[in-house]
Amino acid sequence: MLKSLQLSQFTVFDEVTFAFGRDLNVFAGENGSGKTHVLKAAYCGIAGTVATYKGVRREGAAT
């Protein structure tokens, strides 16, 4: 079970940590606010790579 997700310089996020509940978690927000990016980040964390998603690093972020 995914308990939390910490992102740094990932797409629209500078620095953010998400804490997930035990059952249902809902993401709500305006278009372009990063809801889908949270799912992409979770996938990358589980799969162990960001190579399959182009443009996930923020422009100008250190590599």
N, C-alpha and C. Protein backbone atom coordinates (compact mmCIF):
# COMPACT_ATOMS: atom_id res chain seq x y z
N MET A 1 0.84 -1.18 0.00
CA MET A 1 0.00 0.00 0.00
C MET A 1 0.89 1.24 0.00
N LEU A 2 0.55 2.18 -0.84
CA LEU A 2 1.27 3.45 -0.91
C LEU A 2 0.78 4.34 0.22
N LYS A 3 1.68 4.70 1.12
CA LYS A 3 1.30 5.51 2.28
C LYS A 3 1.56 6.99 2.07
N SER A 4 2.61 7.32 1.34
CA SER A 4 2.91 8.72 1.07
C SER A 4 3.73 8.83 -0.21
N LEU A 5 3.78 10.04 -0.74
CA LEU A 5 4.51 10.31 -1.96
C LEU A 5 5.13 11.69 -1.83
N GLN A 6 6.44 11.78 -1.93
CA GLN A 6 7.14 13.05 -1.83
C GLN A 6 7.71 13.39 -3.20
N LEU A 7 7.38 14.59 -3.70
CA LEU A 7 7.83 15.01 -5.02
C LEU A 7 8.71 16.24 -4.90
N SER A 8 9.75 16.26 -5.72
CA SER A 8 10.65 17.40 -5.76
C SER A 8 10.98 17.70 -7.21
N GLN A 9 10.64 18.90 -7.67
CA GLN A 9 10.90 19.32 -9.05
C GLN A 9 10.28 18.36 -10.05
N PHE A 10 9.08 17.91 -9.79
CA PHE A 10 8.37 16.98 -10.67
C PHE A 10 7.21 17.72 -11.32
N THR A 11 7.27 17.93 -12.60
CA THR A 11 6.26 18.62 -13.42
C THR A 11 5.84 19.93 -12.77
N VAL A 12 4.61 20.07 -12.32
CA VAL A 12 4.10 21.33 -11.78
C VAL A 12 4.43 21.53 -10.30
N PHE A 13 5.09 20.56 -9.67
CA PHE A 13 5.35 20.62 -8.23
C PHE A 13 6.80 21.01 -7.94
N ASP A 14 7.01 22.00 -7.08
CA ASP A 14 8.35 22.32 -6.59
C ASP A 14 8.72 21.28 -5.53
N GLU A 15 8.04 21.34 -4.39
CA GLU A 15 8.24 20.41 -3.28
C GLU A 15 6.86 20.14 -2.67
N VAL A 16 6.49 18.86 -2.59
CA VAL A 16 5.19 18.53 -2.00
C VAL A 16 5.22 17.09 -1.49
N THR A 17 4.48 16.84 -0.42
CA THR A 17 4.33 15.49 0.10
C THR A 17 2.84 15.19 0.22
N PHE A 18 2.43 14.05 -0.31
CA PHE A 18 1.06 13.59 -0.21
C PHE A 18 1.01 12.43 0.78
N ALA A 19 0.09 12.48 1.72
CA ALA A 19 -0.13 11.37 2.65
C ALA A 19 -1.46 10.74 2.27
N PHE A 20 -1.45 9.44 2.02
CA PHE A 20 -2.64 8.74 1.57
C PHE A 20 -3.32 8.01 2.71
N GLY A 21 -4.65 7.98 2.66
CA GLY A 21 -5.44 7.25 3.66
C GLY A 21 -5.48 5.77 3.34
N ARG A 22 -6.05 5.03 4.24
CA ARG A 22 -6.10 3.57 4.11
C ARG A 22 -7.04 3.11 3.01
N ASP A 23 -8.16 3.76 2.83
CA ASP A 23 -9.17 3.29 1.88
C ASP A 23 -9.17 4.13 0.60
N LEU A 24 -10.09 5.03 0.47
CA LEU A 24 -10.28 5.80 -0.75
C LEU A 24 -9.60 7.16 -0.64
N ASN A 25 -8.88 7.54 -1.69
CA ASN A 25 -8.25 8.86 -1.78
C ASN A 25 -8.77 9.54 -3.03
N VAL A 26 -9.16 10.79 -2.91
CA VAL A 26 -9.74 11.54 -4.02
C VAL A 26 -8.89 12.77 -4.28
N PHE A 27 -8.57 13.01 -5.56
CA PHE A 27 -7.87 14.22 -5.97
C PHE A 27 -8.85 15.09 -6.72
N ALA A 28 -9.00 16.31 -6.26
CA ALA A 28 -9.90 17.26 -6.92
C ALA A 28 -9.15 18.57 -7.10
N GLY A 29 -9.35 19.21 -8.24
CA GLY A 29 -8.68 20.49 -8.47
C GLY A 29 -8.96 20.99 -9.86
N GLU A 30 -8.52 22.21 -10.10
CA GLU A 30 -8.68 22.85 -11.40
C GLU A 30 -7.87 22.11 -12.47
N ASN A 31 -8.23 22.33 -13.72
CA ASN A 31 -7.44 21.78 -14.83
C ASN A 31 -6.03 22.33 -14.74
N GLY A 32 -5.05 21.45 -14.96
CA GLY A 32 -3.66 21.87 -14.94
C GLY A 32 -3.05 21.98 -13.55
N SER A 33 -3.77 21.54 -12.53
CA SER A 33 -3.25 21.67 -11.16
C SER A 33 -2.35 20.51 -10.75
N GLY A 34 -2.30 19.43 -11.55
CA GLY A 34 -1.37 18.35 -11.27
C GLY A 34 -1.98 17.04 -10.80
N LYS A 35 -3.28 16.88 -10.91
CA LYS A 35 -3.93 15.64 -10.44
C LYS A 35 -3.37 14.40 -11.14
N THR A 36 -3.28 14.45 -12.45
CA THR A 36 -2.76 13.31 -13.20
C THR A 36 -1.28 13.11 -12.93
N HIS A 37 -0.56 14.19 -12.68
CA HIS A 37 0.86 14.09 -12.41
C HIS A 37 1.14 13.32 -11.11
N VAL A 38 0.22 13.40 -10.16
CA VAL A 38 0.37 12.62 -8.93
C VAL A 38 0.31 11.13 -9.27
N LEU A 39 -0.59 10.74 -10.14
CA LEU A 39 -0.68 9.34 -10.56
C LEU A 39 0.56 8.92 -11.34
N LYS A 40 1.06 9.79 -12.22
CA LYS A 40 2.28 9.49 -12.97
C LYS A 40 3.47 9.32 -12.02
N ALA A 41 3.55 10.17 -11.02
CA ALA A 41 4.64 10.08 -10.05
C ALA A 41 4.56 8.79 -9.26
N ALA A 42 3.35 8.39 -8.87
CA ALA A 42 3.18 7.13 -8.14
C ALA A 42 3.62 5.97 -9.03
N TYR A 43 3.25 6.00 -10.30
CA TYR A 43 3.67 4.95 -11.23
C TYR A 43 5.19 4.91 -11.34
N CYS A 44 5.80 6.08 -11.52
CA CYS A 44 7.26 6.13 -11.65
C CYS A 44 7.94 5.60 -10.39
N GLY A 45 7.38 5.89 -9.24
CA GLY A 45 7.94 5.38 -7.99
C GLY A 45 7.84 3.88 -7.89
N ILE A 46 6.73 3.34 -8.32
CA ILE A 46 6.52 1.89 -8.26
C ILE A 46 7.35 1.19 -9.33
N ALA A 47 7.37 1.76 -10.54
CA ALA A 47 8.11 1.16 -11.64
C ALA A 47 9.61 1.40 -11.52
N GLY A 48 9.99 2.42 -10.75
CA GLY A 48 11.40 2.70 -10.52
C GLY A 48 12.07 3.54 -11.59
N THR A 49 11.30 4.22 -12.43
CA THR A 49 11.90 5.03 -13.49
C THR A 49 10.97 6.17 -13.89
N VAL A 50 11.58 7.25 -14.34
CA VAL A 50 10.81 8.34 -14.96
C VAL A 50 11.10 8.39 -16.45
N ALA A 51 11.90 7.45 -16.93
CA ALA A 51 12.31 7.46 -18.34
C ALA A 51 11.14 7.29 -19.30
N THR A 52 10.07 6.64 -18.86
CA THR A 52 8.94 6.40 -19.76
C THR A 52 8.04 7.62 -19.92
N TYR A 53 8.21 8.63 -19.07
CA TYR A 53 7.41 9.85 -19.17
C TYR A 53 8.31 11.01 -19.53
N LYS A 54 8.10 11.56 -20.71
CA LYS A 54 8.88 12.71 -21.13
C LYS A 54 8.33 13.96 -20.46
N GLY A 55 9.21 14.86 -20.09
CA GLY A 55 8.80 16.15 -19.55
C GLY A 55 8.36 16.12 -18.10
N VAL A 56 8.77 15.13 -17.33
CA VAL A 56 8.34 15.09 -15.94
C VAL A 56 9.22 15.92 -15.03
N ARG A 57 10.46 16.21 -15.45
CA ARG A 57 11.32 17.08 -14.66
C ARG A 57 10.94 18.52 -14.97
N ARG A 58 10.93 19.33 -13.95
CA ARG A 58 10.65 20.76 -14.16
C ARG A 58 11.75 21.38 -15.00
N GLU A 59 11.38 22.29 -15.86
CA GLU A 59 12.36 22.98 -16.69
C GLU A 59 13.34 23.73 -15.81
N GLY A 60 14.63 23.52 -16.04
CA GLY A 60 15.66 24.17 -15.26
C GLY A 60 16.03 23.45 -13.98
N ALA A 61 15.38 22.32 -13.68
CA ALA A 61 15.69 21.56 -12.46
C ALA A 61 17.02 20.85 -12.62
N ALA A 62 17.75 20.76 -11.52
CA ALA A 62 19.02 20.04 -11.53
C ALA A 62 18.76 18.55 -11.77
N THR A 63 19.67 17.90 -12.49
CA THR A 63 19.51 16.48 -12.75
C THR A 63 20.30 15.65 -11.79
